[in-house]
Structures are given as C-alpha cells and as structure tokens.
Protein backbone atom coordinates (compact mmCIF):
# COMPACT_ATOMS: atom_id res chain seq x y z
CA UNK A 1 91.72 81.46 124.64
CA UNK A 2 95.37 82.05 125.37
CA UNK A 3 98.75 82.70 123.92
CA UNK A 4 100.89 80.69 121.55
CA UNK A 5 104.40 79.45 122.16
CA UNK A 6 105.99 78.69 118.80
CA UNK A 7 108.73 76.11 118.43
CA UNK A 8 111.07 76.29 115.44
CA UNK A 9 111.91 73.03 113.68
CA UNK A 10 115.63 73.85 113.55
CA UNK A 11 115.88 74.56 109.82
CA UNK A 12 115.11 78.24 110.20
CA UNK A 13 112.63 80.56 108.55
CA UNK A 14 114.03 80.42 105.01
CA UNK A 15 113.53 77.37 102.83
CA UNK A 16 114.39 76.24 99.35
CA UNK A 17 112.19 74.49 96.81
CA UNK A 18 111.84 70.81 97.62
CA UNK A 19 112.40 71.19 101.37
CA UNK A 20 109.81 70.43 104.03
CA UNK A 21 108.52 73.16 106.31
CA UNK A 22 107.41 71.92 109.73
CA UNK A 23 105.23 74.18 111.86
CA UNK A 24 105.07 73.33 115.57
CA UNK A 25 103.16 75.16 118.28
CA UNK A 26 102.17 74.68 121.87
CA UNK A 27 99.07 76.55 123.05
CA UNK A 28 98.90 77.94 126.56
CA UNK A 29 96.69 80.33 128.46
CA UNK A 30 97.82 83.60 129.99
CA UNK A 31 99.07 81.87 133.13
CA UNK A 32 101.19 79.43 131.14
CA UNK A 33 98.94 76.42 131.55
CA UNK A 34 99.00 74.21 128.48
CA UNK A 35 95.73 73.97 126.56
CA UNK A 36 94.29 71.21 124.38
CA UNK A 37 91.76 72.85 122.03
CA UNK A 38 89.06 70.83 120.29
CA UNK A 39 90.52 71.64 116.87
CA UNK A 40 93.79 73.16 115.72
CA UNK A 41 93.86 73.89 112.00
CA UNK A 42 96.72 75.00 109.73
CA UNK A 43 96.19 77.50 106.91
CA UNK A 44 98.86 78.57 104.43
CA UNK A 45 98.84 81.39 101.86
CA UNK A 46 101.32 82.38 99.18
CA UNK A 47 102.71 85.89 98.70
CA UNK A 48 99.66 86.90 96.63
CA UNK A 49 97.17 85.71 99.22
CA UNK A 50 96.18 82.52 97.39
CA UNK A 51 95.24 79.64 99.68
CA UNK A 52 97.66 76.70 99.55
CA UNK A 53 96.42 74.78 102.60
CA UNK A 54 92.94 75.29 104.03
CA UNK A 55 91.98 73.95 107.47
CA UNK A 56 94.69 71.31 107.58
CA UNK A 57 94.33 69.25 110.76
CA UNK A 58 97.46 69.55 112.90
CA UNK A 59 98.74 66.36 114.47
CA UNK A 60 99.61 66.35 118.17
CA UNK A 61 101.81 64.17 120.36
CA UNK A 62 101.65 63.23 124.02
CA UNK A 63 103.40 66.44 125.06
CA UNK A 64 100.71 68.57 123.45
CA UNK A 65 102.83 69.93 120.62
CA UNK A 66 100.78 70.48 117.46
CA UNK A 67 102.57 69.93 114.16
CA UNK A 68 101.93 70.32 110.44
CA UNK A 69 104.30 69.43 107.60
CA UNK A 70 104.24 71.24 104.27
CA UNK A 71 106.32 69.96 101.37
CA UNK A 72 107.50 73.04 99.46
CA UNK A 73 107.04 72.21 95.74
CA UNK A 74 109.97 72.09 93.34
CA UNK A 75 109.85 74.37 91.43
CA UNK A 76 108.22 76.85 93.79
CA UNK A 77 107.50 80.56 94.03
CA UNK A 78 109.97 82.53 96.13
CA UNK A 79 108.75 84.95 98.76
CA UNK A 80 106.87 85.14 102.03
CA UNK A 81 104.30 82.46 102.88
CA UNK A 82 101.76 83.49 105.51
CA UNK A 83 100.44 81.10 108.14
CA UNK A 84 97.33 81.17 110.28
CA UNK A 85 96.81 78.52 112.93
CA UNK A 86 93.18 78.54 114.06
CA UNK A 87 92.31 76.85 117.34
CA UNK A 88 88.81 76.34 118.71
CA UNK A 89 88.04 75.19 122.25
CA UNK A 90 85.05 73.29 123.63
CA UNK A 91 83.16 76.55 124.27
CA UNK A 92 83.55 77.61 120.65
CA UNK A 93 86.11 80.32 121.40
CA UNK A 94 88.48 80.84 118.49
CA UNK A 95 92.07 82.06 118.56
CA UNK A 96 94.18 82.79 115.47
CA UNK A 97 97.98 82.59 115.64
CA UNK A 98 99.81 84.13 112.63
CA UNK A 99 103.32 83.26 111.48
CA UNK A 100 105.30 83.12 108.24
CA UNK A 101 108.30 81.66 106.47
CA UNK A 102 110.22 82.52 103.30
CA UNK A 103 111.32 80.51 100.30
CA UNK A 104 114.62 81.71 98.87
CA UNK A 105 116.92 80.69 96.00
CA UNK A 106 119.72 79.97 98.47
CA UNK A 107 120.48 79.81 102.20
CA UNK A 108 121.52 83.36 103.04
CA UNK A 109 120.88 84.10 106.72
CA UNK A 110 124.19 82.71 108.00
CA UNK A 111 126.01 84.59 105.23
CA UNK A 112 124.36 87.85 106.29
CA UNK A 113 125.22 87.27 109.92
CA UNK A 114 128.80 86.53 108.92
CA UNK A 115 129.42 89.66 106.81
CA UNK A 116 127.63 91.94 109.29
CA UNK A 117 129.18 90.37 112.38
CA UNK A 118 125.75 89.93 113.96
CA UNK A 119 126.19 86.43 115.29
CA UNK A 120 123.76 86.56 118.18
CA UNK A 121 120.10 85.89 117.56
CA UNK A 122 119.16 88.05 120.54
CA UNK A 123 120.37 91.04 118.52
CA UNK A 124 118.11 90.24 115.57
CA UNK A 125 115.88 87.22 115.19
CA UNK A 126 115.89 84.92 112.17
CA UNK A 127 112.35 86.12 111.41
CA UNK A 128 113.45 89.75 111.22
CA UNK A 129 116.58 88.81 109.31
CA UNK A 130 114.58 86.83 106.75
CA UNK A 131 112.39 89.89 106.11
CA UNK A 132 115.47 92.09 105.65
CA UNK A 133 117.00 89.51 103.31
CA UNK A 134 113.86 89.27 101.15
CA UNK A 135 113.54 93.06 100.92
CA UNK A 136 117.23 93.28 99.94
CA UNK A 137 116.71 90.62 97.27
CA UNK A 138 113.79 92.54 95.78
CA UNK A 139 115.70 95.83 95.89
CA UNK A 140 118.75 94.35 94.17
CA UNK A 141 116.62 92.84 91.39
CA UNK A 142 114.83 96.14 90.92
CA UNK A 143 118.15 97.95 90.54
CA UNK A 144 119.93 95.49 88.24
CA UNK A 145 117.07 94.80 85.82
CA UNK A 146 116.00 97.28 83.16
CA UNK A 147 112.27 97.98 83.24
CA UNK A 148 110.44 98.51 79.92
CA UNK A 149 107.19 100.38 80.37
CA UNK A 150 104.32 99.64 77.95
CA UNK A 151 106.39 98.77 74.89
CA UNK A 152 105.12 97.72 71.48
CA UNK A 153 105.64 94.11 70.39
CA UNK A 154 107.09 92.92 67.08
CA UNK A 155 106.52 90.11 64.62
CA UNK A 156 108.13 86.77 65.28
CA UNK A 157 110.56 86.11 62.39
CA UNK A 158 109.65 82.42 62.33
CA UNK A 159 105.97 83.28 61.84
CA UNK A 160 106.33 86.68 60.13
CA UNK A 161 102.75 87.69 60.85
CA UNK A 162 101.34 90.66 62.73
CA UNK A 163 97.97 90.95 64.47
CA UNK A 164 95.83 89.54 61.66
CA UNK A 165 93.06 88.08 63.81
CA UNK A 166 94.52 84.55 63.92
CA UNK A 167 98.24 84.89 64.77
CA UNK A 168 99.19 84.71 68.43
CA UNK A 169 103.02 84.43 68.32
CA UNK A 170 105.09 87.60 68.73
CA UNK A 171 108.41 88.89 70.00
CA UNK A 172 109.06 91.24 72.91
CA UNK A 173 112.06 93.49 72.26
CA UNK A 174 115.16 92.01 73.91
CA UNK A 175 118.39 93.86 73.17
CA UNK A 176 121.72 92.34 72.18
CA UNK A 177 122.50 89.44 74.52
CA UNK A 178 119.98 90.39 77.22
CA UNK A 179 116.99 88.22 78.10
CA UNK A 180 113.59 88.53 79.75
CA UNK A 181 114.01 88.79 83.52
CA UNK A 182 112.37 87.21 86.53
CA UNK A 183 111.22 90.64 87.60
CA UNK A 184 109.87 89.68 91.03
CA UNK A 185 112.48 87.07 91.83
CA UNK A 186 110.02 84.25 92.34
CA UNK A 187 112.05 81.71 90.40
CA UNK A 188 110.45 81.78 86.96
CA UNK A 189 109.58 84.24 84.16
CA UNK A 190 105.84 84.29 83.61
CA UNK A 191 103.28 86.32 81.75
CA UNK A 192 99.85 87.44 82.92
CA UNK A 193 97.52 84.45 83.16
CA UNK A 194 100.22 81.76 83.48
CA UNK A 195 100.22 81.78 87.27
CA UNK A 196 98.08 83.31 89.98
CA UNK A 197 101.07 85.08 91.50
CA UNK A 198 104.33 86.74 90.51
CA UNK A 199 103.55 87.94 86.98
CA UNK A 200 106.69 89.33 85.31
CA UNK A 201 105.16 90.45 81.99
CA UNK A 202 101.89 92.35 81.85
CA UNK A 203 100.02 94.00 79.00
CA UNK A 204 96.83 95.24 77.42
CA UNK A 205 95.21 95.71 74.02
CA UNK A 206 92.81 98.41 72.78
CA UNK A 207 89.77 97.36 70.75
CA UNK A 208 88.15 99.20 67.83
CA UNK A 209 85.99 101.18 70.24
CA UNK A 210 89.10 102.27 72.18
CA UNK A 211 88.29 100.16 75.24
CA UNK A 212 91.27 98.64 77.02
CA UNK A 213 91.48 94.89 77.72
CA UNK A 214 93.87 92.64 79.62
CA UNK A 215 96.32 90.56 77.58
CA UNK A 216 96.93 86.90 78.32
CA UNK A 217 100.67 86.33 77.95
CA UNK A 218 102.55 83.04 77.77
CA UNK A 219 106.36 83.16 77.78
CA UNK A 220 107.85 80.80 75.18
CA UNK A 221 111.53 81.81 75.20
CA UNK A 222 113.23 84.29 77.54
CA UNK A 223 116.30 84.73 75.31
CA UNK A 224 114.55 85.66 72.06
CA UNK A 225 111.54 87.27 73.74
CA UNK A 226 109.06 84.99 72.02
CA UNK A 227 105.61 85.09 73.66
CA UNK A 228 102.06 84.07 72.93
CA UNK A 229 99.61 87.00 73.16
CA UNK A 230 95.86 86.47 73.22
CA UNK A 231 92.67 87.79 74.72
CA UNK A 232 91.94 86.42 78.19
CA UNK A 233 89.65 83.77 76.64
CA UNK A 234 92.50 82.49 74.47
CA UNK A 235 91.28 83.98 71.19
CA UNK A 236 93.62 85.98 68.97
CA UNK A 237 93.77 89.77 69.17
CA UNK A 238 91.46 91.20 66.44
CA UNK A 239 93.10 92.66 63.37
CA UNK A 240 91.24 95.96 63.87
CA UNK A 241 92.72 96.59 67.32
CA UNK A 242 94.02 100.07 68.21
CA UNK A 243 97.20 99.11 70.02
CA UNK A 244 98.99 96.40 72.02
CA UNK A 245 101.45 97.20 74.82
CA UNK A 246 103.45 95.15 77.31
CA UNK A 247 105.66 95.96 80.29
CA UNK A 248 108.51 93.74 81.42
CA UNK A 249 112.12 93.74 82.61
CA UNK A 250 115.29 92.49 80.96
CA UNK A 251 118.42 90.94 82.43
CA UNK A 252 121.79 92.18 81.19
CA UNK A 253 124.34 89.92 79.50
CA UNK A 254 126.57 90.96 82.40
CA UNK A 255 124.36 88.96 84.75
CA UNK A 256 126.18 86.71 87.19
CA UNK A 257 124.27 84.73 89.80
CA UNK A 258 127.12 84.62 92.30
CA UNK A 259 127.68 88.37 92.22
CA UNK A 260 123.94 89.03 92.45
CA UNK A 261 123.79 86.94 95.60
CA UNK A 262 126.80 88.76 96.99
CA UNK A 263 125.02 92.08 96.42
CA UNK A 264 121.95 90.81 98.29
CA UNK A 265 123.99 89.53 101.24
CA UNK A 266 125.97 92.75 101.61
CA UNK A 267 122.93 95.00 101.21
CA UNK A 268 121.08 92.99 103.86
CA UNK A 269 124.21 93.08 106.04
CA UNK A 270 124.36 96.85 105.70
CA UNK A 271 120.68 97.16 106.64
CA UNK A 272 121.30 94.98 109.69
CA UNK A 273 124.18 97.15 110.90
CA UNK A 274 121.92 100.21 110.73
CA UNK A 275 119.83 98.63 113.47
CA UNK A 276 122.74 99.08 115.80
CA UNK A 277 121.94 102.76 115.86
CA UNK A 278 119.15 101.66 118.21
CA UNK A 279 121.42 101.40 121.25
CA UNK A 280 118.82 99.77 123.45
CA UNK A 281 119.04 96.66 121.24
CA UNK A 282 122.82 96.34 121.41
CA UNK A 283 124.68 94.11 123.84
CA UNK A 284 128.26 94.66 124.98
CA UNK A 285 129.23 91.49 123.14
CA UNK A 286 127.70 92.88 119.93
CA UNK A 287 129.65 96.12 120.21
CA UNK A 288 132.92 94.32 120.90
CA UNK A 289 132.58 91.80 118.06
CA UNK A 290 131.54 94.45 115.53
CA UNK A 291 133.51 97.52 116.54
CA UNK A 292 135.66 97.32 113.40
CA UNK A 293 132.52 97.47 111.26
CA UNK A 294 130.57 100.11 113.18
CA UNK A 295 133.36 102.40 114.34
CA UNK A 296 136.16 102.19 111.79
CA UNK A 297 134.09 102.07 108.58
CA UNK A 298 130.33 101.92 109.10
CA UNK A 299 129.50 102.11 105.35
CA UNK A 300 131.95 99.45 104.19
CA UNK A 301 129.19 96.91 103.55
CA UNK A 302 127.22 99.43 101.50
CA UNK A 303 130.21 100.04 99.22
CA UNK A 304 130.78 96.32 98.70
CA UNK A 305 127.08 95.90 97.90
CA UNK A 306 127.15 98.68 95.28
CA UNK A 307 130.26 97.27 93.64
CA UNK A 308 128.67 93.80 93.39
CA UNK A 309 125.39 95.29 92.13
CA UNK A 310 127.07 97.36 89.43
CA UNK A 311 129.03 94.33 88.21
CA UNK A 312 125.84 92.53 87.17
CA UNK A 313 123.84 95.31 85.59
CA UNK A 314 124.15 97.14 82.32
CA UNK A 315 124.58 100.81 83.17
CA UNK A 316 123.86 101.77 79.55
CA UNK A 317 120.10 101.36 79.98
CA UNK A 318 118.04 102.52 77.07
CA UNK A 319 120.67 101.79 74.45
CA UNK A 320 118.57 99.31 72.47
CA UNK A 321 116.49 100.82 69.72
C-alpha cells in the first residue's frame, strides 16, 4: 500500500498517568503521493500484550492526517505501550504501521539530554532515548530492591491463624523498616491475579498429592507485608497442603524517590554517551558541546549513577532473619 509518515503531537514519546496521547499519521505511497485508505484503525496494547484499544476508527481532517486520542488512565501501568495502525484500501490491501510510546513516573528525557550533553535530536531520537530511559529505570529498580526467592509466609498477628482450610490472611516477611516493592516499576505493588500485567508478588502451593498450583495473591499492606493468599478460584489453601512459597522484592528504608530518579537519569545519560563511540553518528557540534564529558572524564556519569544508586539501597541484603 505505501509508507507511513508519522507526526508527533509535540508532547514527546513519554507520558504520565492522566495525560492524553495523540497519535497522528499521514499515509503515502512509495512515490510520496498521499493516500486515503478506506479504513484506518488504531490498536493499542500494554506491556504484557493485553489489548487496550481494538480497531479504533481514526478521525481524519481535510489535509488527510489521521488522528486518534487515548486518555492514559490515572493510575496507570508504567512501561511501553505498543501501537498498530491498520489501513485497508479499496482493493482490500492491508498495511500495518507499528509505533509505541512509554508511560513514566516523571518527565525524564530532557533531564537525560541535559546531563549527557546530547541536545540534538539528530544524534539520538526521542524514541531511542525513551527506550534507553525505560531500560535504565528497570535496571536501577533491579539493583536497589532486594529479591526474595520462594520464601515461606507467616501468620498474621491480627488473625493468628495458619493454613487451616479457612484462613486466607497472612504476612510476607518484611524486615525492619523495609516494605514490599513495586518490583517492575509499573506504579503499584500487586500480587498474582490482581492485574493482568506487572505482577510483583508471585507464588505457589503444593497439594497433598505433591502437585504444584498457582497462588492468587492480593496485597493488603506493603509496609507490614499483609496479603490475602488463596487458590485461583478464591478458596482457602487446604490445611493438608505440603508447602506455600512466594517470591517478591522489598524496598529499603533508605529509599528516596529523588535519588532513585537521579540514578536513572545518570545511568541513561551514561548509556547515551556510549553511543558516541559510533563515530558515524556523531556531528561536529556534538563533539564540541560534549568534549568535556567524552574526552576529559568519559565515565563521570557512571560514577554519579552508582553513588545515587547506592544511596537508596540497603547494601546489607540478607540481614533479616
């Protein structure tokens, strides 16, 4: 059918909960002639592949620009949202045009450009920068949270009952002043079965015949570790079970949102500067504006990132018994 020319709505490729994403495209053929397909449909998927918008009709104006508005919910899941625009012409020929955008806890692209000195979009696009930023965010969270692999659960002191066939309220071990963590950085702490995407706490139980089953987990309180544990149908775990285990991450009492964000920005900035090893992508203006970073101290951003990272994590992992 042709090729797509995508027009950005000016906000960028990272959004926050409650903002409106506007997707605009103009469809042309290989020679650049503008096309007016019979249908142009917008499809949107979350980071787990779940369909959010299916075959949404895109509005068009007199200039032939097709547009679709998506109101990002508040609260929302953070991460990459995938787009497919499907156009069909009068002959039934179909063309699919992929794209994506990211939801983030804060606006970070300009910050990354500032600390790295990469001010020109021709050096690295906002799309590429958003991917680097999201990967940096995930890496920082992975490094500053403590992961607990298939731990036992304890009795809730307010209920004081174990797995007796009717009780469903328990406590996950949370040490000292730590708390359950948003392991995947999607904006909320959830257990398996609460959402279709971004599960932070997973688990299983073993029945009397030693078969393993998925746990349904509902997070009640991230500070005390209180959760509801049931079978996937909502019934209590049988008293004659042969084991219950959960995996999860905890956030240190040293946690500081501002320093975490600083770590993400400087890690992403460091990753950006590494791209300047690809000399064919560098302009003379880039080299001039960043020579203090690249020539005098090329790993300065990495050191700042590590210092910020270490200031928000508990290096004494494993100290809670």
